[in-house]
Structures are given as structure tokens and as C-alpha cells.
Amino acid sequence: MVMENRAAIIYRALELFFAIGIFLWPGLCLSCDTDLMTLLTGKSPFDSFSQDIFRLASEANDLGQAANEPEAAGRNVHQLMKTWIRFDNQFTQAPPPWAQNDPNWKGKFKELADLIGTFDSRLREKKLTRLHISVLAFSRKLFGLLSAMPSPPEKRSAIRMILDFQKLWDAIEGRNQAKFREGVEALAGEAREYRGYLATPALLISQDFLSKVDQLEKLHLANPASLTIEMSAKVFVAETAFQEMNAMTIEKVEGK
């Protein structure tokens, strides 16, 4: 009971942290990682699946950015739902050729549809912080649809890491210390694998992110399975560094 109360306090504190980030300092708040989606699908996708999944990621980002403006968020929720219905109808039963052997394909769509279903109710109930958190979960889990797509190993590793971040947030929300431990171990192991794929220029861009994951792992090893505010904040900082790494990679690819 004491552990459950402590975890509840931690999660309420994190909700407050998100609320402050959304309403006072939007730059401190996590956003949907459209840069990673660009790296995976290209800026001008050539096939309809890539075009549509990029559109979903972009509209999720727009919704996340509007999370503190109920009227704008309402318009974005309805647009995202329309885009999702069209996407769902087209690809649930007829996946791209590279996804036809994914045994979890329909389950992934169901999970995403369930999240979409929460957006309108949270908007009507004016639970804007919870709306933003749900949009982030949708955005991360959207990448799960790309896990079987033919890609270089570092890109497949990046997909696994963004899904690992979602597992960590699910563990925090569910106050599940065992799942949190598994998430930290999975993310740290994947970050080490990711490091091995990188040539020197990309490694330099990735150093801050990799350092933040190292810090999260060390804190976890010092306090195994603990769910503290500091531990959860380290997850937030590591994911922010992950997004910044992807943004810098895009800049390098575009020669900026």
C-alpha cells in the first residue's frame, strides 16, 4: 500500500510536470518525433503507406502543439480521426508487402485505434494534459507499424528505442516497477547496440542522447526497480535528447 501511494504521488507529480511544460514552457515539453518519421519514410514519401503514416505523425504533432488551446485541439482531434479512419480502412486488412508477415499487425492497429478513441473524451472533459500524454503514446506506437519495414540497422534500432520509451511511460503510468526495470534494461541495451552501428559523424551527433541513457541506467542500477521522480525525470530528459538527436541528423542530411 505504501509503495502504491508513493507511485501515485510520483505519477501525479509527473502529470504536473507535463502540465507546466505544456502551458508555461512548451519548449520543455515532449513533442511527436516527426524528425524520426522523416528519417524513416523520407520527406517526400513515394508510396501511399509512407505518405499516410507521415501525415498521421504530422497531424499528431499538430495536435500535441495545440494541447493547451481547446478550440484548436478540437479541430486537430477531428482531423486526425478522419485521417486515421481512412488509413485504418486501407491498411488493416491490406498491409504493405513487407508487413504481411507481421503477426501483430492487426493488434497494433487496434491499440492505436483505442488511443485515438480517448482523444475526444479527454478534450470534452478538458483533461488537456492527459490528452497530450495520450497523443505522445499514439505517436510513439505509430512507429511500431514500421518495425518490419526494410531499413538500415540503425534505423530499426531507433524504432525499437522509441517503443522502449513508450514502455517506460506505460510502466510509470501503471506504477509497475518490474515493467519499468525491464524498460530501462531494454532501452540501455538497445542504445549500446545503436552506438555500434554509427560511424564517427553520426556518433558525435548521438553522444548527448547516449550519455543520457547511460545516466538513466546508472541511476536505475543504484536503485533497482525504483520509481522515483528523479528516475522518471531522467526518462523525460533521455527522450528529449533522442528527439534532439533526430533533429540534428535531419539538419545534417539536408546540409543545414
C-alpha atoms as a PDB file:
ATOM      1  CA  MET A   1       0.000   0.000   0.000  1.00  0.00           C
ATOM      2  CA  VAL A   2       2.855   2.381   0.859  1.00  0.00           C
ATOM      3  CA  MET A   3       4.573   1.590  -2.448  1.00  0.00           C
ATOM      4  CA  GLU A   4       1.311   2.152  -4.358  1.00  0.00           C
ATOM      5  CA  ASN A   5       0.789   5.513  -2.651  1.00  0.00           C
ATOM      6  CA  ARG A   6       4.359   6.540  -3.419  1.00  0.00           C
ATOM      7  CA  ALA A   7       3.964   5.578  -7.090  1.00  0.00           C
ATOM      8  CA  ALA A   8       0.684   7.502  -7.281  1.00  0.00           C
ATOM      9  CA  ILE A   9       2.363  10.609  -5.872  1.00  0.00           C
ATOM     10  CA  ILE A  10       5.183  10.269  -8.398  1.00  0.00           C
ATOM     11  CA  TYR A  11       2.775   9.978 -11.314  1.00  0.00           C
ATOM     12  CA  ARG A  12       0.719  12.973 -10.152  1.00  0.00           C
ATOM     13  CA  ALA A  13       3.960  14.940  -9.900  1.00  0.00           C
ATOM     14  CA  LEU A  14       4.851  13.941 -13.453  1.00  0.00           C
ATOM     15  CA  GLU A  15       1.421  14.999 -14.698  1.00  0.00           C
ATOM     16  CA  LEU A  16       2.035  18.386 -13.074  1.00  0.00           C
ATOM     17  CA  PHE A  17       5.452  18.499 -14.740  1.00  0.00           C
ATOM     18  CA  PHE A  18       3.843  17.865 -18.131  1.00  0.00           C
ATOM     19  CA  ALA A  19       1.147  20.443 -17.423  1.00  0.00           C
ATOM     20  CA  ILE A  20       3.714  23.108 -16.572  1.00  0.00           C
ATOM     21  CA  GLY A  21       5.657  22.227 -19.735  1.00  0.00           C
ATOM     22  CA  ILE A  22       2.545  22.430 -21.912  1.00  0.00           C
ATOM     23  CA  PHE A  23       1.015  25.597 -20.532  1.00  0.00           C
ATOM     24  CA  LEU A  24       4.032  27.678 -19.500  1.00  0.00           C
ATOM     25  CA  TRP A  25       7.092  26.396 -21.335  1.00  0.00           C
ATOM     26  CA  PRO A  26       6.056  24.458 -24.451  1.00  0.00           C
ATOM     27  CA  GLY A  27       9.695  24.096 -25.458  1.00  0.00           C
ATOM     28  CA  LEU A  28      10.276  21.919 -22.394  1.00  0.00           C
ATOM     29  CA  CYS A  29       7.514  19.506 -23.317  1.00  0.00           C
ATOM     30  CA  LEU A  30       7.980  16.381 -25.394  1.00  0.00           C
ATOM     31  CA  SER A  31       6.636  16.555 -28.931  1.00  0.00           C
ATOM     32  CA  CYS A  32       5.822  13.915 -31.505  1.00  0.00           C
ATOM     33  CA  ASP A  33       9.024  12.860 -33.256  1.00  0.00           C
ATOM     34  CA  THR A  34       8.291  13.802 -36.867  1.00  0.00           C
ATOM     35  CA  ASP A  35      12.034  14.071 -37.498  1.00  0.00           C
ATOM     36  CA  LEU A  36      12.427  10.341 -36.894  1.00  0.00           C
ATOM     37  CA  MET A  37       9.448   9.672 -39.153  1.00  0.00           C
ATOM     38  CA  THR A  38      11.151  11.750 -41.868  1.00  0.00           C
ATOM     39  CA  LEU A  39      14.344   9.725 -41.446  1.00  0.00           C
ATOM     40  CA  LEU A  40      12.379   6.502 -41.850  1.00  0.00           C
ATOM     41  CA  THR A  41       9.998   7.400 -44.685  1.00  0.00           C
ATOM     42  CA  GLY A  42      11.708  10.313 -46.429  1.00  0.00           C
ATOM     43  CA  LYS A  43      10.450  13.848 -46.688  1.00  0.00           C
ATOM     44  CA  SER A  44       8.519  13.125 -49.887  1.00  0.00           C
ATOM     45  CA  PRO A  45       7.331   9.526 -49.440  1.00  0.00           C
ATOM     46  CA  PHE A  46       6.882   7.666 -52.694  1.00  0.00           C
ATOM     47  CA  ASP A  47       4.250   5.113 -51.619  1.00  0.00           C
ATOM     48  CA  SER A  48       0.790   5.656 -50.164  1.00  0.00           C
ATOM     49  CA  PHE A  49       1.513   3.880 -46.875  1.00  0.00           C
ATOM     50  CA  SER A  50       4.548   6.059 -46.137  1.00  0.00           C
ATOM     51  CA  GLN A  51       2.650   9.172 -47.176  1.00  0.00           C
ATOM     52  CA  ASP A  52      -0.259   8.353 -44.898  1.00  0.00           C
ATOM     53  CA  ILE A  53       1.766   7.334 -41.853  1.00  0.00           C
ATOM     54  CA  PHE A  54       3.836  10.512 -42.205  1.00  0.00           C
ATOM     55  CA  ARG A  55       0.588  12.504 -42.398  1.00  0.00           C
ATOM     56  CA  LEU A  56      -0.629  10.841 -39.192  1.00  0.00           C
ATOM     57  CA  ALA A  57       2.636  11.664 -37.419  1.00  0.00           C
ATOM     58  CA  SER A  58       2.437  15.284 -38.594  1.00  0.00           C
ATOM     59  CA  GLU A  59      -1.200  15.665 -37.516  1.00  0.00           C
ATOM     60  CA  ALA A  60      -0.404  14.090 -34.138  1.00  0.00           C
ATOM     61  CA  ASN A  61       2.368  16.665 -33.778  1.00  0.00           C
ATOM     62  CA  ASP A  62      -0.064  19.467 -34.627  1.00  0.00           C
ATOM     63  CA  LEU A  63      -2.494  18.160 -32.013  1.00  0.00           C
ATOM     64  CA  GLY A  64       0.246  17.935 -29.396  1.00  0.00           C
ATOM     65  CA  GLN A  65       1.303  21.508 -30.109  1.00  0.00           C
ATOM     66  CA  ALA A  66      -2.310  22.685 -29.719  1.00  0.00           C
ATOM     67  CA  ALA A  67      -2.946  20.783 -26.493  1.00  0.00           C
ATOM     68  CA  ASN A  68      -3.292  23.978 -24.424  1.00  0.00           C
ATOM     69  CA  GLU A  69      -5.838  25.525 -26.841  1.00  0.00           C
ATOM     70  CA  PRO A  70      -9.140  23.586 -26.616  1.00  0.00           C
ATOM     71  CA  GLU A  71     -10.686  25.044 -29.784  1.00  0.00           C
ATOM     72  CA  ALA A  72      -7.636  24.373 -31.960  1.00  0.00           C
ATOM     73  CA  ALA A  73      -7.120  20.977 -30.305  1.00  0.00           C
ATOM     74  CA  GLY A  74     -10.723  20.073 -31.147  1.00  0.00           C
ATOM     75  CA  ARG A  75     -10.180  20.788 -34.821  1.00  0.00           C
ATOM     76  CA  ASN A  76      -6.950  18.796 -34.785  1.00  0.00           C
ATOM     77  CA  VAL A  77      -8.564  15.842 -32.996  1.00  0.00           C
ATOM     78  CA  HIS A  78     -11.295  15.596 -35.618  1.00  0.00           C
ATOM     79  CA  GLN A  79      -8.822  15.909 -38.494  1.00  0.00           C
ATOM     80  CA  LEU A  80      -6.573  13.225 -37.017  1.00  0.00           C
ATOM     81  CA  MET A  81      -9.554  10.920 -36.500  1.00  0.00           C
ATOM     82  CA  LYS A  82     -10.609  11.350 -40.144  1.00  0.00           C
ATOM     83  CA  THR A  83      -7.088  10.607 -41.375  1.00  0.00           C
ATOM     84  CA  TRP A  84      -6.875   7.585 -39.071  1.00  0.00           C
ATOM     85  CA  ILE A  85     -10.193   6.103 -40.259  1.00  0.00           C
ATOM     86  CA  ARG A  86      -9.053   6.304 -43.876  1.00  0.00           C
ATOM     87  CA  PHE A  87      -5.633   4.831 -43.003  1.00  0.00           C
ATOM     88  CA  ASP A  88      -7.157   2.074 -40.863  1.00  0.00           C
ATOM     89  CA  ASN A  89      -9.669   1.091 -43.539  1.00  0.00           C
ATOM     90  CA  GLN A  90      -6.995   0.915 -46.203  1.00  0.00           C
ATOM     91  CA  PHE A  91      -4.157  -0.881 -44.425  1.00  0.00           C
ATOM     92  CA  THR A  92      -5.506  -3.044 -41.595  1.00  0.00           C
ATOM     93  CA  GLN A  93      -6.603  -5.772 -43.992  1.00  0.00           C
ATOM     94  CA  ALA A  94      -4.133  -4.977 -46.784  1.00  0.00           C
ATOM     95  CA  PRO A  95      -0.715  -4.201 -45.274  1.00  0.00           C
ATOM     96  CA  PRO A  96       2.287  -3.279 -47.422  1.00  0.00           C
ATOM     97  CA  PRO A  97       4.124  -6.353 -48.775  1.00  0.00           C
ATOM     98  CA  TRP A  98       6.915  -6.055 -46.202  1.00  0.00           C
ATOM     99  CA  ALA A  99       4.374  -6.117 -43.336  1.00  0.00           C
ATOM    100  CA  GLN A 100       2.309  -9.095 -44.484  1.00  0.00           C
ATOM    101  CA  ASN A 101       4.175 -11.499 -42.198  1.00  0.00           C
ATOM    102  CA  ASP A 102       3.901  -9.274 -39.122  1.00  0.00           C
ATOM    103  CA  PRO A 103       1.769 -11.409 -36.748  1.00  0.00           C
ATOM    104  CA  ASN A 104       0.902  -8.378 -34.616  1.00  0.00           C
ATOM    105  CA  TRP A 105      -0.206  -6.126 -37.484  1.00  0.00           C
ATOM    106  CA  LYS A 106      -3.916  -6.045 -36.635  1.00  0.00           C
ATOM    107  CA  GLY A 107      -3.170  -5.834 -32.920  1.00  0.00           C
ATOM    108  CA  LYS A 108      -1.060  -2.730 -33.490  1.00  0.00           C
ATOM    109  CA  PHE A 109      -3.921  -1.073 -35.362  1.00  0.00           C
ATOM    110  CA  LYS A 110      -6.330  -1.985 -32.548  1.00  0.00           C
ATOM    111  CA  GLU A 111      -4.008  -0.447 -29.953  1.00  0.00           C
ATOM    112  CA  LEU A 112      -3.682   2.759 -31.964  1.00  0.00           C
ATOM    113  CA  ALA A 113      -7.441   2.921 -32.571  1.00  0.00           C
ATOM    114  CA  ASP A 114      -8.061   2.573 -28.827  1.00  0.00           C
ATOM    115  CA  LEU A 115      -5.761   5.522 -28.158  1.00  0.00           C
ATOM    116  CA  ILE A 116      -7.461   7.623 -30.841  1.00  0.00           C
ATOM    117  CA  GLY A 117     -10.735   6.824 -29.119  1.00  0.00           C
ATOM    118  CA  THR A 118      -9.578   8.571 -25.932  1.00  0.00           C
ATOM    119  CA  PHE A 119      -8.725  11.877 -27.607  1.00  0.00           C
ATOM    120  CA  ASP A 120     -12.233  13.261 -27.991  1.00  0.00           C
ATOM    121  CA  SER A 121     -13.355  12.301 -24.480  1.00  0.00           C
ATOM    122  CA  ARG A 122     -10.296  13.865 -22.878  1.00  0.00           C
ATOM    123  CA  LEU A 123     -10.851  17.017 -24.878  1.00  0.00           C
ATOM    124  CA  ARG A 124     -14.530  17.199 -23.837  1.00  0.00           C
ATOM    125  CA  GLU A 125     -13.569  16.607 -20.200  1.00  0.00           C
ATOM    126  CA  LYS A 126     -10.892  19.327 -20.530  1.00  0.00           C
ATOM    127  CA  LYS A 127      -8.175  16.873 -19.465  1.00  0.00           C
ATOM    128  CA  LEU A 128      -5.661  18.564 -21.727  1.00  0.00           C
ATOM    129  CA  THR A 129      -2.557  17.216 -20.016  1.00  0.00           C
ATOM    130  CA  ARG A 130      -3.899  13.684 -20.306  1.00  0.00           C
ATOM    131  CA  LEU A 131      -4.756  14.394 -23.948  1.00  0.00           C
ATOM    132  CA  HIS A 132      -1.167  15.434 -24.632  1.00  0.00           C
ATOM    133  CA  ILE A 133       0.202  12.304 -22.917  1.00  0.00           C
ATOM    134  CA  SER A 134      -2.152  10.108 -24.987  1.00  0.00           C
ATOM    135  CA  VAL A 135      -1.100  11.836 -28.216  1.00  0.00           C
ATOM    136  CA  LEU A 136       2.543  11.163 -27.385  1.00  0.00           C
ATOM    137  CA  ALA A 137       1.712   7.494 -26.778  1.00  0.00           C
ATOM    138  CA  PHE A 138      -0.093   7.339 -30.140  1.00  0.00           C
ATOM    139  CA  SER A 139       2.865   8.959 -31.879  1.00  0.00           C
ATOM    140  CA  ARG A 140       5.381   6.536 -30.381  1.00  0.00           C
ATOM    141  CA  LYS A 141       3.275   3.448 -31.039  1.00  0.00           C
ATOM    142  CA  LEU A 142       2.721   4.562 -34.625  1.00  0.00           C
ATOM    143  CA  PHE A 143       6.373   3.672 -35.220  1.00  0.00           C
ATOM    144  CA  GLY A 144       5.545   0.073 -34.355  1.00  0.00           C
ATOM    145  CA  LEU A 145       3.881  -0.204 -37.766  1.00  0.00           C
ATOM    146  CA  LEU A 146       7.314   0.381 -39.332  1.00  0.00           C
ATOM    147  CA  SER A 147       9.192  -2.282 -37.374  1.00  0.00           C
ATOM    148  CA  ALA A 148       9.204  -4.774 -40.287  1.00  0.00           C
ATOM    149  CA  MET A 149       9.958  -2.168 -42.963  1.00  0.00           C
ATOM    150  CA  PRO A 150      13.295  -2.791 -44.758  1.00  0.00           C
ATOM    151  CA  SER A 151      15.690  -0.269 -43.211  1.00  0.00           C
ATOM    152  CA  PRO A 152      19.358   0.051 -42.223  1.00  0.00           C
ATOM    153  CA  PRO A 153      20.068  -1.478 -38.790  1.00  0.00           C
ATOM    154  CA  GLU A 154      20.482   1.884 -37.047  1.00  0.00           C
ATOM    155  CA  LYS A 155      17.005   2.953 -38.172  1.00  0.00           C
ATOM    156  CA  ARG A 156      15.444  -0.292 -36.971  1.00  0.00           C
ATOM    157  CA  SER A 157      17.269   0.269 -33.689  1.00  0.00           C
ATOM    158  CA  ALA A 158      15.807   3.791 -33.453  1.00  0.00           C
ATOM    159  CA  ILE A 159      12.299   2.358 -33.876  1.00  0.00           C
ATOM    160  CA  ARG A 160      12.915  -0.108 -31.068  1.00  0.00           C
ATOM    161  CA  MET A 161      14.169   2.687 -28.815  1.00  0.00           C
ATOM    162  CA  ILE A 162      11.126   4.903 -29.316  1.00  0.00           C
ATOM    163  CA  LEU A 163       8.942   1.891 -28.465  1.00  0.00           C
ATOM    164  CA  ASP A 164      11.110   1.307 -25.382  1.00  0.00           C
ATOM    165  CA  PHE A 165      10.376   4.871 -24.280  1.00  0.00           C
ATOM    166  CA  GLN A 166       6.656   4.151 -24.539  1.00  0.00           C
ATOM    167  CA  LYS A 167       7.091   1.015 -22.420  1.00  0.00           C
ATOM    168  CA  LEU A 168       8.773   3.148 -19.765  1.00  0.00           C
ATOM    169  CA  TRP A 169       5.912   5.680 -19.756  1.00  0.00           C
ATOM    170  CA  ASP A 170       3.367   2.844 -19.655  1.00  0.00           C
ATOM    171  CA  ALA A 171       5.216   1.429 -16.621  1.00  0.00           C
ATOM    172  CA  ILE A 172       5.211   4.836 -14.935  1.00  0.00           C
ATOM    173  CA  GLU A 173       1.510   5.344 -15.615  1.00  0.00           C
ATOM    174  CA  GLY A 174       0.731   1.802 -14.444  1.00  0.00           C
ATOM    175  CA  ARG A 175       3.022   2.209 -11.411  1.00  0.00           C
ATOM    176  CA  ASN A 176       4.690  -1.052 -12.399  1.00  0.00           C
ATOM    177  CA  GLN A 177       8.233  -1.241 -11.071  1.00  0.00           C
ATOM    178  CA  ALA A 178       9.026  -4.587 -12.722  1.00  0.00           C
ATOM    179  CA  LYS A 179       7.992  -3.280 -16.158  1.00  0.00           C
ATOM    180  CA  PHE A 180       9.949  -0.101 -15.530  1.00  0.00           C
ATOM    181  CA  ARG A 181      13.055  -2.167 -14.796  1.00  0.00           C
ATOM    182  CA  GLU A 182      12.551  -4.166 -17.996  1.00  0.00           C
ATOM    183  CA  GLY A 183      12.113  -0.930 -19.939  1.00  0.00           C
ATOM    184  CA  VAL A 184      15.315   0.625 -18.626  1.00  0.00           C
ATOM    185  CA  GLU A 185      17.282  -2.531 -19.375  1.00  0.00           C
ATOM    186  CA  ALA A 186      15.796  -2.772 -22.891  1.00  0.00           C
ATOM    187  CA  LEU A 187      16.500   0.891 -23.700  1.00  0.00           C
ATOM    188  CA  ALA A 188      20.058   0.751 -22.352  1.00  0.00           C
ATOM    189  CA  GLY A 189      20.806  -2.447 -24.267  1.00  0.00           C
ATOM    190  CA  GLU A 190      19.340  -1.030 -27.471  1.00  0.00           C
ATOM    191  CA  ALA A 191      21.319   2.209 -27.050  1.00  0.00           C
ATOM    192  CA  ARG A 192      24.534   0.195 -26.841  1.00  0.00           C
ATOM    193  CA  GLU A 193      23.569  -1.712 -29.987  1.00  0.00           C
ATOM    194  CA  TYR A 194      22.686   1.561 -31.717  1.00  0.00           C
ATOM    195  CA  ARG A 195      26.095   3.002 -30.802  1.00  0.00           C
ATOM    196  CA  GLY A 196      27.787   0.104 -32.587  1.00  0.00           C
ATOM    197  CA  TYR A 197      26.040   0.935 -35.870  1.00  0.00           C
ATOM    198  CA  LEU A 198      27.233   4.537 -36.022  1.00  0.00           C
ATOM    199  CA  ALA A 199      30.162   5.989 -37.931  1.00  0.00           C
ATOM    200  CA  THR A 200      32.073   8.841 -36.282  1.00  0.00           C
ATOM    201  CA  PRO A 201      29.979  11.814 -37.577  1.00  0.00           C
ATOM    202  CA  ALA A 202      26.695  10.196 -36.505  1.00  0.00           C
ATOM    203  CA  LEU A 203      28.241   9.103 -33.220  1.00  0.00           C
ATOM    204  CA  LEU A 204      29.143  12.699 -32.402  1.00  0.00           C
ATOM    205  CA  ILE A 205      25.538  13.774 -33.004  1.00  0.00           C
ATOM    206  CA  SER A 206      24.316  10.939 -30.784  1.00  0.00           C
ATOM    207  CA  GLN A 207      26.684  11.431 -27.848  1.00  0.00           C
ATOM    208  CA  ASP A 208      24.342  13.516 -25.702  1.00  0.00           C
ATOM    209  CA  PHE A 209      21.476  11.056 -26.106  1.00  0.00           C
ATOM    210  CA  LEU A 210      23.688   8.049 -25.377  1.00  0.00           C
ATOM    211  CA  SER A 211      25.081   9.828 -22.317  1.00  0.00           C
ATOM    212  CA  LYS A 212      21.560  10.499 -21.015  1.00  0.00           C
ATOM    213  CA  VAL A 213      20.649   6.811 -21.381  1.00  0.00           C
ATOM    214  CA  ASP A 214      23.848   5.880 -19.523  1.00  0.00           C
ATOM    215  CA  GLN A 215      22.824   8.208 -16.703  1.00  0.00           C
ATOM    216  CA  LEU A 216      19.353   6.664 -16.553  1.00  0.00           C
ATOM    217  CA  GLU A 217      20.834   3.162 -16.410  1.00  0.00           C
ATOM    218  CA  LYS A 218      23.312   4.098 -13.663  1.00  0.00           C
ATOM    219  CA  LEU A 219      20.570   5.651 -11.560  1.00  0.00           C
ATOM    220  CA  HIS A 220      18.468   2.522 -12.084  1.00  0.00           C
ATOM    221  CA  LEU A 221      21.356   0.240 -11.067  1.00  0.00           C
ATOM    222  CA  ALA A 222      21.865   2.297  -7.909  1.00  0.00           C
ATOM    223  CA  ASN A 223      18.135   1.997  -7.081  1.00  0.00           C
ATOM    224  CA  PRO A 224      16.924  -1.185  -8.824  1.00  0.00           C
ATOM    225  CA  ALA A 225      13.287  -1.131  -9.895  1.00  0.00           C
ATOM    226  CA  SER A 226      12.598   2.109  -8.019  1.00  0.00           C
ATOM    227  CA  LEU A 227      10.094   4.586  -9.412  1.00  0.00           C
ATOM    228  CA  THR A 228      11.228   7.962  -8.161  1.00  0.00           C
ATOM    229  CA  ILE A 229      10.529  11.405  -9.534  1.00  0.00           C
ATOM    230  CA  GLU A 230      14.238  11.686 -10.365  1.00  0.00           C
ATOM    231  CA  MET A 231      14.173   8.394 -12.253  1.00  0.00           C
ATOM    232  CA  SER A 232      11.113   9.406 -14.257  1.00  0.00           C
ATOM    233  CA  ALA A 233      12.612  12.815 -14.994  1.00  0.00           C
ATOM    234  CA  LYS A 234      15.681  11.015 -16.385  1.00  0.00           C
ATOM    235  CA  VAL A 235      13.388   9.212 -18.835  1.00  0.00           C
ATOM    236  CA  PHE A 236      11.975  12.570 -19.933  1.00  0.00           C
ATOM    237  CA  VAL A 237      15.471  14.041 -20.380  1.00  0.00           C
ATOM    238  CA  ALA A 238      16.698  10.999 -22.326  1.00  0.00           C
ATOM    239  CA  GLU A 239      13.728  11.088 -24.695  1.00  0.00           C
ATOM    240  CA  THR A 240      14.175  14.819 -25.238  1.00  0.00           C
ATOM    241  CA  ALA A 241      17.825  14.137 -26.156  1.00  0.00           C
ATOM    242  CA  PHE A 242      16.635  11.367 -28.520  1.00  0.00           C
ATOM    243  CA  GLN A 243      14.392  13.847 -30.340  1.00  0.00           C
ATOM    244  CA  GLU A 244      17.157  16.455 -30.489  1.00  0.00           C
ATOM    245  CA  MET A 245      19.500  13.831 -31.963  1.00  0.00           C
ATOM    246  CA  ASN A 246      16.965  13.079 -34.715  1.00  0.00           C
ATOM    247  CA  ALA A 247      16.503  16.798 -35.430  1.00  0.00           C
ATOM    248  CA  MET A 248      20.276  17.274 -35.765  1.00  0.00           C
ATOM    249  CA  THR A 249      20.502  14.230 -38.038  1.00  0.00           C
ATOM    250  CA  ILE A 250      17.865  15.749 -40.335  1.00  0.00           C
ATOM    251  CA  GLU A 251      19.817  19.010 -40.427  1.00  0.00           C
ATOM    252  CA  LYS A 252      22.969  17.133 -41.387  1.00  0.00           C
ATOM    253  CA  VAL A 253      21.154  15.152 -44.090  1.00  0.00           C
ATOM    254  CA  GLU A 254      19.753  18.404 -45.518  1.00  0.00           C
ATOM    255  CA  GLY A 255      23.130  20.130 -45.289  1.00  0.00           C
ATOM    256  CA  LYS A 256      21.990  22.894 -42.936  1.00  0.00           C
END
